[in-house]
C-alpha cells in the first residue's frame, strides 16, 4: 500500500505542477540530463502504479462483457531487469514475483510473463514522460482463463527505482514500560 500512497502523492504533485507553471519553475526537481529513451534504456528497475483500467470477459454465448472500470487504487507493479544478456525480467505484483522475458527497443520496454495457470501479462513502458513529470507512460494487459477467458488492461506510470526494493522502516522503539504490538 505504500507504493499506492507514494504514487498518489506523486501524481497529485505532477497535476499541481502542470496547473501552476510559475510554481513548477520554483519547485521542480533539477532537469534530467538524459532523454526519456536514454533513461529507459539504462533502467534496471522500475516502480509502476496504475491510474485507470478496464476489465472484460466473454459470455458463454461468445460475446464480450465489459465490466466496471478497474479501481485506480489497485496496487501497482515493479519490473526488475535481472539478466540483460538473456533478456530476463521479474514482474513483482505485491508478494507475487513472476519471471519473464523482455524486449528493449526505441519503441520502449516490453515485458512478457506467463503464470503457472496459463495466463499471460504483457507490460509496455513507453520512452516518454507524462507531462512535466519524470514518470514514463505504461500499459499492462493481462489475459487469463478460468471457466471463461477474462482480460484486463491497465494504464499507469512508471518511475526509475533503486535496484533493490527498500526495506520496511523499523518499528519505533517502545517507550519505557510499554510493549511492542
C-alpha atoms as a PDB file:
ATOM      1  CA  UNK A   1       0.000   0.000   0.000  1.00  0.00           C
ATOM      2  CA  UNK A   2       2.966   2.358   0.491  1.00  0.00           C
ATOM      3  CA  UNK A   3       3.567   2.174  -3.250  1.00  0.00           C
ATOM      4  CA  UNK A   4      -0.005   3.343  -3.923  1.00  0.00           C
ATOM      5  CA  UNK A   5       0.297   6.247  -1.474  1.00  0.00           C
ATOM      6  CA  UNK A   6       3.665   7.216  -2.961  1.00  0.00           C
ATOM      7  CA  UNK A   7       2.211   7.249  -6.474  1.00  0.00           C
ATOM      8  CA  UNK A   8      -0.913   9.123  -5.421  1.00  0.00           C
ATOM      9  CA  UNK A   9       1.277  11.820  -3.880  1.00  0.00           C
ATOM     10  CA  UNK A  10       3.497  11.914  -6.979  1.00  0.00           C
ATOM     11  CA  UNK A  11       0.518  12.082  -9.319  1.00  0.00           C
ATOM     12  CA  UNK A  12      -1.052  14.890  -7.272  1.00  0.00           C
ATOM     13  CA  UNK A  13       2.251  16.775  -7.366  1.00  0.00           C
ATOM     14  CA  UNK A  14       2.517  16.345 -11.150  1.00  0.00           C
ATOM     15  CA  UNK A  15      -1.030  17.649 -11.615  1.00  0.00           C
ATOM     16  CA  UNK A  16      -0.306  20.609  -9.325  1.00  0.00           C
ATOM     17  CA  UNK A  17       2.902  21.406 -11.208  1.00  0.00           C
ATOM     18  CA  UNK A  18       1.165  21.211 -14.570  1.00  0.00           C
ATOM     19  CA  UNK A  19      -1.604  23.530 -13.327  1.00  0.00           C
ATOM     20  CA  UNK A  20       0.734  26.139 -11.898  1.00  0.00           C
ATOM     21  CA  UNK A  21       3.626  26.867 -14.303  1.00  0.00           C
ATOM     22  CA  UNK A  22       5.104  29.550 -12.030  1.00  0.00           C
ATOM     23  CA  UNK A  23       5.253  27.030  -9.170  1.00  0.00           C
ATOM     24  CA  UNK A  24       6.740  24.417 -11.487  1.00  0.00           C
ATOM     25  CA  UNK A  25       9.758  26.616 -12.153  1.00  0.00           C
ATOM     26  CA  UNK A  26      10.250  27.311  -8.454  1.00  0.00           C
ATOM     27  CA  UNK A  27       9.720  23.809  -7.032  1.00  0.00           C
ATOM     28  CA  UNK A  28      10.503  21.360  -9.842  1.00  0.00           C
ATOM     29  CA  UNK A  29      13.429  18.981  -9.398  1.00  0.00           C
ATOM     30  CA  UNK A  30      16.603  19.690 -11.361  1.00  0.00           C
ATOM     31  CA  UNK A  31      16.224  18.966 -15.070  1.00  0.00           C
ATOM     32  CA  UNK A  32      17.139  15.426 -16.044  1.00  0.00           C
ATOM     33  CA  UNK A  33      20.287  15.248 -18.101  1.00  0.00           C
ATOM     34  CA  UNK A  34      19.138  12.378 -20.317  1.00  0.00           C
ATOM     35  CA  UNK A  35      16.387  11.967 -22.799  1.00  0.00           C
ATOM     36  CA  UNK A  36      13.448   9.716 -21.761  1.00  0.00           C
ATOM     37  CA  UNK A  37      14.539   6.974 -24.195  1.00  0.00           C
ATOM     38  CA  UNK A  38      18.084   7.035 -22.759  1.00  0.00           C
ATOM     39  CA  UNK A  39      16.736   6.931 -19.202  1.00  0.00           C
ATOM     40  CA  UNK A  40      14.554   3.920 -20.044  1.00  0.00           C
ATOM     41  CA  UNK A  41      17.380   2.155 -21.901  1.00  0.00           C
ATOM     42  CA  UNK A  42      19.592   2.457 -18.777  1.00  0.00           C
ATOM     43  CA  UNK A  43      16.894   1.313 -16.322  1.00  0.00           C
ATOM     44  CA  UNK A  44      17.481  -1.735 -14.136  1.00  0.00           C
ATOM     45  CA  UNK A  45      14.302  -1.459 -12.087  1.00  0.00           C
ATOM     46  CA  UNK A  46      11.014   0.419 -12.497  1.00  0.00           C
ATOM     47  CA  UNK A  47       8.222   1.027  -9.973  1.00  0.00           C
ATOM     48  CA  UNK A  48       4.822   1.433 -11.618  1.00  0.00           C
ATOM     49  CA  UNK A  49       1.352   2.475 -10.494  1.00  0.00           C
ATOM     50  CA  UNK A  50      -1.991   2.234 -12.249  1.00  0.00           C
ATOM     51  CA  UNK A  51      -4.157   5.282 -12.878  1.00  0.00           C
ATOM     52  CA  UNK A  52      -7.101   3.615 -14.664  1.00  0.00           C
ATOM     53  CA  UNK A  53      -8.117   0.432 -16.438  1.00  0.00           C
ATOM     54  CA  UNK A  54     -10.856  -1.814 -17.793  1.00  0.00           C
ATOM     55  CA  UNK A  55     -11.950  -5.427 -17.313  1.00  0.00           C
ATOM     56  CA  UNK A  56     -13.607  -7.608 -19.919  1.00  0.00           C
ATOM     57  CA  UNK A  57     -14.752 -11.202 -20.131  1.00  0.00           C
ATOM     58  CA  UNK A  58     -16.539 -13.483 -22.538  1.00  0.00           C
ATOM     59  CA  UNK A  59     -20.110 -14.644 -22.012  1.00  0.00           C
ATOM     60  CA  UNK A  60     -20.992 -18.313 -22.599  1.00  0.00           C
ATOM     61  CA  UNK A  61     -22.591 -17.157 -25.885  1.00  0.00           C
ATOM     62  CA  UNK A  62     -19.255 -15.716 -27.060  1.00  0.00           C
ATOM     63  CA  UNK A  63     -19.980 -12.022 -26.621  1.00  0.00           C
ATOM     64  CA  UNK A  64     -17.633  -9.704 -24.753  1.00  0.00           C
ATOM     65  CA  UNK A  65     -18.881  -8.274 -21.475  1.00  0.00           C
ATOM     66  CA  UNK A  66     -17.211  -5.055 -20.330  1.00  0.00           C
ATOM     67  CA  UNK A  67     -17.162  -4.777 -16.579  1.00  0.00           C
ATOM     68  CA  UNK A  68     -16.944  -1.601 -14.493  1.00  0.00           C
ATOM     69  CA  UNK A  69     -13.625   0.266 -14.710  1.00  0.00           C
ATOM     70  CA  UNK A  70     -10.827  -1.053 -12.534  1.00  0.00           C
ATOM     71  CA  UNK A  71     -10.116   0.770  -9.305  1.00  0.00           C
ATOM     72  CA  UNK A  72      -7.194   3.175  -9.884  1.00  0.00           C
ATOM     73  CA  UNK A  73      -6.004   2.404  -6.333  1.00  0.00           C
ATOM     74  CA  UNK A  74      -5.125  -1.152  -7.358  1.00  0.00           C
ATOM     75  CA  UNK A  75      -1.580  -1.800  -6.146  1.00  0.00           C
ATOM     76  CA  UNK A  76       0.976  -1.378  -8.888  1.00  0.00           C
ATOM     77  CA  UNK A  77       3.878  -3.473 -10.003  1.00  0.00           C
ATOM     78  CA  UNK A  78       7.653  -3.356 -10.221  1.00  0.00           C
ATOM     79  CA  UNK A  79       9.808  -4.513 -13.086  1.00  0.00           C
ATOM     80  CA  UNK A  80      13.347  -5.759 -12.462  1.00  0.00           C
ATOM     81  CA  UNK A  81      15.605  -6.385 -15.453  1.00  0.00           C
ATOM     82  CA  UNK A  82      17.725  -9.133 -13.907  1.00  0.00           C
ATOM     83  CA  UNK A  83      19.763 -10.508 -16.839  1.00  0.00           C
ATOM     84  CA  UNK A  84      20.351  -8.176 -19.793  1.00  0.00           C
ATOM     85  CA  UNK A  85      22.333 -10.800 -21.740  1.00  0.00           C
ATOM     86  CA  UNK A  86      19.488 -13.341 -21.669  1.00  0.00           C
ATOM     87  CA  UNK A  87      16.734 -10.653 -21.597  1.00  0.00           C
ATOM     88  CA  UNK A  88      15.282 -11.952 -18.311  1.00  0.00           C
ATOM     89  CA  UNK A  89      12.998  -9.870 -16.116  1.00  0.00           C
ATOM     90  CA  UNK A  90      10.936 -10.315 -12.960  1.00  0.00           C
ATOM     91  CA  UNK A  91       7.499  -8.753 -12.640  1.00  0.00           C
ATOM     92  CA  UNK A  92       6.630  -8.092  -8.989  1.00  0.00           C
ATOM     93  CA  UNK A  93       2.977  -7.629  -8.053  1.00  0.00           C
ATOM     94  CA  UNK A  94       2.610  -7.363  -4.281  1.00  0.00           C
ATOM     95  CA  UNK A  95       4.148 -10.605  -2.923  1.00  0.00           C
ATOM     96  CA  UNK A  96       3.997 -12.406  -6.307  1.00  0.00           C
ATOM     97  CA  UNK A  97       7.246 -12.442  -8.298  1.00  0.00           C
ATOM     98  CA  UNK A  98       6.891 -13.857 -11.809  1.00  0.00           C
ATOM     99  CA  UNK A  99       9.906 -14.433 -14.062  1.00  0.00           C
ATOM    100  CA  UNK A 100       9.612 -13.415 -17.684  1.00  0.00           C
ATOM    101  CA  UNK A 101      11.449 -12.030 -20.671  1.00  0.00           C
ATOM    102  CA  UNK A 102      11.777  -8.522 -22.052  1.00  0.00           C
ATOM    103  CA  UNK A 103      12.498  -6.618 -25.227  1.00  0.00           C
ATOM    104  CA  UNK A 104      14.057  -3.173 -25.231  1.00  0.00           C
ATOM    105  CA  UNK A 105      13.893  -1.057 -28.379  1.00  0.00           C
ATOM    106  CA  UNK A 106      13.367   2.508 -29.477  1.00  0.00           C
ATOM    107  CA  UNK A 107       9.629   1.802 -29.102  1.00  0.00           C
ATOM    108  CA  UNK A 108      10.006   1.109 -25.375  1.00  0.00           C
ATOM    109  CA  UNK A 109      10.414  -1.707 -22.885  1.00  0.00           C
ATOM    110  CA  UNK A 110       8.047  -4.672 -23.185  1.00  0.00           C
ATOM    111  CA  UNK A 111       7.946  -7.426 -20.546  1.00  0.00           C
ATOM    112  CA  UNK A 112       6.159 -10.773 -21.077  1.00  0.00           C
ATOM    113  CA  UNK A 113       5.318 -13.124 -18.202  1.00  0.00           C
ATOM    114  CA  UNK A 114       3.381 -16.389 -18.153  1.00  0.00           C
ATOM    115  CA  UNK A 115       1.711 -17.604 -14.981  1.00  0.00           C
ATOM    116  CA  UNK A 116       1.596 -21.282 -13.944  1.00  0.00           C
ATOM    117  CA  UNK A 117      -2.178 -21.372 -14.576  1.00  0.00           C
ATOM    118  CA  UNK A 118      -1.677 -20.333 -18.201  1.00  0.00           C
ATOM    119  CA  UNK A 119      -2.468 -16.614 -18.086  1.00  0.00           C
ATOM    120  CA  UNK A 120      -0.072 -14.063 -19.529  1.00  0.00           C
ATOM    121  CA  UNK A 121       0.710 -10.419 -18.840  1.00  0.00           C
ATOM    122  CA  UNK A 122       2.355  -8.013 -21.255  1.00  0.00           C
ATOM    123  CA  UNK A 123       3.619  -4.693 -19.858  1.00  0.00           C
ATOM    124  CA  UNK A 124       4.916  -1.945 -22.139  1.00  0.00           C
ATOM    125  CA  UNK A 125       6.697   1.117 -20.779  1.00  0.00           C
ATOM    126  CA  UNK A 126       6.990   3.900 -23.347  1.00  0.00           C
ATOM    127  CA  UNK A 127      10.080   6.132 -23.652  1.00  0.00           C
ATOM    128  CA  UNK A 128       8.161   9.343 -22.968  1.00  0.00           C
ATOM    129  CA  UNK A 129       7.462  11.255 -19.808  1.00  0.00           C
ATOM    130  CA  UNK A 130       3.959  12.012 -18.615  1.00  0.00           C
ATOM    131  CA  UNK A 131       3.655  15.790 -18.787  1.00  0.00           C
ATOM    132  CA  UNK A 132       6.151  17.669 -16.645  1.00  0.00           C
ATOM    133  CA  UNK A 133       6.973  14.587 -14.540  1.00  0.00           C
ATOM    134  CA  UNK A 134       9.772  12.053 -14.815  1.00  0.00           C
ATOM    135  CA  UNK A 135       7.260   9.188 -14.991  1.00  0.00           C
ATOM    136  CA  UNK A 136       7.067   7.021 -18.096  1.00  0.00           C
ATOM    137  CA  UNK A 137       3.717   6.070 -19.647  1.00  0.00           C
ATOM    138  CA  UNK A 138       2.819   2.380 -19.171  1.00  0.00           C
ATOM    139  CA  UNK A 139       0.145  -0.122 -20.205  1.00  0.00           C
ATOM    140  CA  UNK A 140      -0.329  -3.603 -18.732  1.00  0.00           C
ATOM    141  CA  UNK A 141      -2.512  -6.199 -20.421  1.00  0.00           C
ATOM    142  CA  UNK A 142      -3.467  -9.437 -18.634  1.00  0.00           C
ATOM    143  CA  UNK A 143      -5.093 -12.378 -20.417  1.00  0.00           C
ATOM    144  CA  UNK A 144      -6.303 -15.147 -18.141  1.00  0.00           C
ATOM    145  CA  UNK A 145      -8.549 -18.131 -18.377  1.00  0.00           C
ATOM    146  CA  UNK A 146     -10.560 -19.874 -15.705  1.00  0.00           C
ATOM    147  CA  UNK A 147     -14.042 -21.115 -16.539  1.00  0.00           C
ATOM    148  CA  UNK A 148     -14.226 -18.328 -19.160  1.00  0.00           C
ATOM    149  CA  UNK A 149     -11.454 -16.126 -20.591  1.00  0.00           C
ATOM    150  CA  UNK A 150     -11.002 -12.803 -18.816  1.00  0.00           C
ATOM    151  CA  UNK A 151      -8.895  -9.811 -19.816  1.00  0.00           C
ATOM    152  CA  UNK A 152      -7.847  -6.572 -18.174  1.00  0.00           C
ATOM    153  CA  UNK A 153      -5.961  -3.585 -19.449  1.00  0.00           C
ATOM    154  CA  UNK A 154      -4.483  -1.077 -17.038  1.00  0.00           C
ATOM    155  CA  UNK A 155      -2.816   2.214 -17.747  1.00  0.00           C
ATOM    156  CA  UNK A 156      -0.311   3.884 -15.498  1.00  0.00           C
ATOM    157  CA  UNK A 157       3.035   5.482 -14.874  1.00  0.00           C
ATOM    158  CA  UNK A 158       6.495   4.068 -14.124  1.00  0.00           C
ATOM    159  CA  UNK A 159       9.493   5.669 -12.453  1.00  0.00           C
ATOM    160  CA  UNK A 160      13.103   4.621 -12.185  1.00  0.00           C
ATOM    161  CA  UNK A 161      13.616   2.801  -8.893  1.00  0.00           C
ATOM    162  CA  UNK A 162      16.584   1.599  -6.895  1.00  0.00           C
ATOM    163  CA  UNK A 163      17.854  -1.813  -7.912  1.00  0.00           C
ATOM    164  CA  UNK A 164      16.845  -3.373  -4.623  1.00  0.00           C
ATOM    165  CA  UNK A 165      13.485  -2.720  -3.015  1.00  0.00           C
ATOM    166  CA  UNK A 166      13.625  -0.523   0.064  1.00  0.00           C
ATOM    167  CA  UNK A 167      13.442  -2.398   3.331  1.00  0.00           C
ATOM    168  CA  UNK A 168      10.437  -1.577   5.506  1.00  0.00           C
ATOM    169  CA  UNK A 169      11.096   1.062   8.141  1.00  0.00           C
ATOM    170  CA  UNK A 170      11.880  -0.406  11.553  1.00  0.00           C
ATOM    171  CA  UNK A 171       9.278  -0.042  14.279  1.00  0.00           C
ATOM    172  CA  UNK A 172       9.896   2.898  16.617  1.00  0.00           C
ATOM    173  CA  UNK A 173      11.430   1.930  19.937  1.00  0.00           C
ATOM    174  CA  UNK A 174       8.936   1.272  22.698  1.00  0.00           C
ATOM    175  CA  UNK A 175       8.689   3.837  25.457  1.00  0.00           C
ATOM    176  CA  UNK A 176       9.852   2.591  28.839  1.00  0.00           C
ATOM    177  CA  UNK A 177       7.186   0.387  30.366  1.00  0.00           C
ATOM    178  CA  UNK A 178       5.405  -0.265  27.024  1.00  0.00           C
ATOM    179  CA  UNK A 179       5.474  -3.372  24.872  1.00  0.00           C
ATOM    180  CA  UNK A 180       5.640  -3.568  21.086  1.00  0.00           C
ATOM    181  CA  UNK A 181       2.432  -4.798  19.432  1.00  0.00           C
END
